[in-house]
C-alpha atoms as a PDB file:
ATOM      1  CA  MET A   1      10.333   6.847   4.698  1.00  0.00           C
ATOM      2  CA  SER A   2       7.264   5.016   3.384  1.00  0.00           C
ATOM      3  CA  GLY A   3       7.434   2.834   0.284  1.00  0.00           C
ATOM      4  CA  THR A   4       4.528   4.238  -1.750  1.00  0.00           C
ATOM      5  CA  LYS A   5       6.645   6.137  -4.343  1.00  0.00           C
ATOM      6  CA  ARG A   6       8.607   4.075  -6.881  1.00  0.00           C
ATOM      7  CA  SER A   7      11.194   6.858  -7.317  1.00  0.00           C
ATOM      8  CA  ASP A   8      12.225   6.515  -3.628  1.00  0.00           C
ATOM      9  CA  ILE A   9      13.218   2.846  -4.042  1.00  0.00           C
ATOM     10  CA  GLN A  10      16.404   1.696  -5.771  1.00  0.00           C
ATOM     11  CA  VAL A  11      17.849  -1.758  -6.387  1.00  0.00           C
ATOM     12  CA  GLY A  12      20.149  -2.370  -3.411  1.00  0.00           C
ATOM     13  CA  SER A  13      18.002  -0.361  -0.960  1.00  0.00           C
ATOM     14  CA  ASN A  14      17.523  -1.828   2.523  1.00  0.00           C
ATOM     15  CA  VAL A  15      13.750  -2.053   3.141  1.00  0.00           C
ATOM     16  CA  ASN A  16      11.050  -3.606   5.303  1.00  0.00           C
ATOM     17  CA  VAL A  17       8.328  -5.381   3.310  1.00  0.00           C
ATOM     18  CA  VAL A  18       5.050  -7.050   4.222  1.00  0.00           C
ATOM     19  CA  GLN A  19       4.411 -10.369   2.466  1.00  0.00           C
ATOM     20  CA  LYS A  20       0.943 -11.309   1.197  1.00  0.00           C
ATOM     21  CA  GLN A  21       0.373 -13.868   3.969  1.00  0.00           C
ATOM     22  CA  ASP A  22       1.489 -11.341   6.631  1.00  0.00           C
ATOM     23  CA  GLN A  23      -0.829  -8.478   5.598  1.00  0.00           C
ATOM     24  CA  ARG A  24      -3.314  -9.135   8.406  1.00  0.00           C
ATOM     25  CA  SER A  25      -0.667  -9.352  11.141  1.00  0.00           C
ATOM     26  CA  GLY A  26       1.497  -6.597   9.643  1.00  0.00           C
ATOM     27  CA  LYS A  27       4.678  -8.657  10.203  1.00  0.00           C
ATOM     28  CA  LEU A  28       7.602  -6.997   8.421  1.00  0.00           C
ATOM     29  CA  THR A  29      10.528  -8.716   6.724  1.00  0.00           C
ATOM     30  CA  GLU A  30      13.823  -6.864   6.211  1.00  0.00           C
ATOM     31  CA  GLY A  31      15.921  -7.279   3.087  1.00  0.00           C
ATOM     32  CA  ILE A  32      17.759  -5.774   0.134  1.00  0.00           C
ATOM     33  CA  VAL A  33      15.805  -4.928  -3.048  1.00  0.00           C
ATOM     34  CA  GLN A  34      16.753  -7.099  -6.045  1.00  0.00           C
ATOM     35  CA  ASP A  35      13.903  -6.175  -8.445  1.00  0.00           C
ATOM     36  CA  ILE A  36      11.127  -3.565  -8.467  1.00  0.00           C
ATOM     37  CA  LEU A  37       7.955  -5.307  -9.652  1.00  0.00           C
ATOM     38  CA  THR A  38       5.419  -2.428  -9.627  1.00  0.00           C
ATOM     39  CA  ASN A  39       5.435  -0.446 -12.872  1.00  0.00           C
ATOM     40  CA  SER A  40       3.307   2.530 -11.764  1.00  0.00           C
ATOM     41  CA  ALA A  41       4.911   5.601 -10.127  1.00  0.00           C
ATOM     42  CA  THR A  42       2.971   5.172  -6.878  1.00  0.00           C
ATOM     43  CA  HIS A  43       0.893   2.544  -5.100  1.00  0.00           C
ATOM     44  CA  PRO A  44      -1.202   3.235  -1.963  1.00  0.00           C
ATOM     45  CA  HIS A  45      -0.226  -0.073  -0.269  1.00  0.00           C
ATOM     46  CA  GLY A  46       3.469   0.117  -1.158  1.00  0.00           C
ATOM     47  CA  ILE A  47       5.624  -0.700  -4.168  1.00  0.00           C
ATOM     48  CA  LYS A  48       5.965  -4.446  -4.782  1.00  0.00           C
ATOM     49  CA  VAL A  49       9.569  -5.665  -4.818  1.00  0.00           C
ATOM     50  CA  ARG A  50      11.552  -8.905  -4.833  1.00  0.00           C
ATOM     51  CA  LEU A  51      14.273  -9.103  -2.193  1.00  0.00           C
ATOM     52  CA  GLU A  52      17.665 -10.787  -2.716  1.00  0.00           C
ATOM     53  CA  SER A  53      16.341 -13.666  -0.566  1.00  0.00           C
ATOM     54  CA  GLY A  54      13.580 -14.257  -3.155  1.00  0.00           C
ATOM     55  CA  ILE A  55      10.789 -12.904  -0.924  1.00  0.00           C
ATOM     56  CA  VAL A  56       8.164 -10.779  -2.701  1.00  0.00           C
ATOM     57  CA  GLY A  57       6.311  -8.105  -0.757  1.00  0.00           C
ATOM     58  CA  ARG A  58       5.175  -4.504  -0.612  1.00  0.00           C
ATOM     59  CA  VAL A  59       7.585  -1.917   0.806  1.00  0.00           C
ATOM     60  CA  LYS A  60       6.384  -0.429   4.095  1.00  0.00           C
ATOM     61  CA  GLU A  61       9.625   1.304   5.142  1.00  0.00           C
ATOM     62  CA  ILE A  62      12.865   2.323   3.474  1.00  0.00           C
ATOM     63  CA  ILE A  63      15.643   1.868   6.037  1.00  0.00           C
ATOM     64  CA  ASP A  64      18.656   3.493   4.280  1.00  0.00           C
END
């Protein structure tokens, strides 16, 4: 499932995110959502979240 809809993402979800510095390469980082940072209902590049590891990125895939 893609990460463009805020309603699909919950705190505790297992997701793959792309960090700002990895946008060109498309390198994904896996983690558990700690905070949802995007306030709007949707975002074309993915909802921005903070993972439990402290990494901030946009959700590309929801793994659950």
